[in-house]
Protein backbone atom coordinates (compact mmCIF):
# COMPACT_ATOMS: atom_id res chain seq x y z
CA MET A 1 -9.58 26.67 -0.43
CA ARG A 2 -10.54 25.02 3.06
CA GLU A 3 -7.86 23.55 5.11
CA ARG A 4 -9.05 19.98 4.79
CA ALA A 5 -9.15 20.15 1.06
CA TYR A 6 -5.61 21.78 1.03
CA LEU A 7 -4.24 19.03 3.36
CA TYR A 8 -5.73 16.54 1.04
CA LEU A 9 -4.53 17.95 -2.17
CA SER A 10 -0.87 18.47 -0.90
CA GLY A 11 -0.94 15.01 0.64
CA VAL A 12 -1.77 13.37 -2.80
CA ILE A 13 0.75 15.65 -4.64
CA PHE A 14 3.53 14.62 -2.34
CA ALA A 15 2.58 10.97 -2.51
CA LEU A 16 2.66 11.03 -6.18
CA VAL A 17 6.04 12.74 -6.29
CA GLY A 18 7.37 10.15 -3.82
CA PHE A 19 6.26 7.30 -6.02
CA ALA A 20 7.74 8.91 -8.99
CA HIS A 21 11.08 9.11 -7.14
CA PHE A 22 10.74 5.37 -6.18
CA ALA A 23 9.91 4.48 -9.83
CA ARG A 24 12.92 6.35 -10.94
CA ALA A 25 15.08 4.58 -8.54
CA LEU A 26 13.67 0.98 -9.30
CA SER A 27 14.11 1.62 -13.04
CA ARG A 28 17.67 3.22 -12.47
CA LEU A 29 16.90 5.98 -15.06
CA PRO A 30 19.95 8.30 -15.33
CA VAL A 31 19.25 12.04 -14.32
CA GLN A 32 21.66 14.74 -15.17
CA LEU A 33 21.37 18.41 -14.15
CA GLY A 34 23.79 20.31 -16.28
CA SER A 35 27.16 18.57 -15.86
CA LEU A 36 26.20 16.83 -12.65
CA ASN A 37 25.03 13.17 -12.60
CA VAL A 38 22.42 12.69 -9.87
CA PRO A 39 23.03 9.44 -7.96
CA ASN A 40 20.26 6.73 -7.64
CA TRP A 41 20.43 6.69 -3.94
CA ILE A 42 19.07 10.35 -3.82
CA SER A 43 15.80 9.24 -5.37
CA TRP A 44 15.38 6.73 -2.53
CA VAL A 45 15.87 9.44 0.09
CA LEU A 46 13.68 12.05 -1.56
CA GLY A 47 11.13 9.41 -2.34
CA ALA A 48 10.77 8.32 1.33
CA PHE A 49 10.75 11.99 2.47
CA ALA A 50 8.08 12.98 -0.09
CA LEU A 51 5.91 9.87 0.76
CA CYS A 52 6.27 10.77 4.53
CA LEU A 53 5.03 14.17 3.79
CA GLY A 54 2.14 13.02 1.54
CA LEU A 55 1.01 10.55 4.17
CA CYS A 56 1.26 13.23 6.97
CA GLY A 57 -0.89 15.55 4.83
CA LEU A 58 -3.59 12.91 4.16
CA ARG A 59 -3.66 11.90 7.93
CA LEU A 60 -4.02 15.60 8.97
CA GLY A 61 -6.61 16.05 6.35
CA SER A 62 -8.62 13.15 7.79
CA LEU A 63 -8.41 14.48 11.20
CA ARG A 64 -9.75 17.90 10.29
CA ALA A 65 -13.60 17.66 10.40
């Protein structure tokens, strides 16, 4: 796989994961990992982080010609 295609693909995947975290945070769906309840604010933080990674990947992919 070429570098440009890899950057686009990883950018799209990270952006989708970021939007999924935001959708979970907006809908206030409960998440439980074993006996641990995951707070809603974690989805906001992880969503912002994943969306930033996605946008960086897409931006880098567009710079590689």
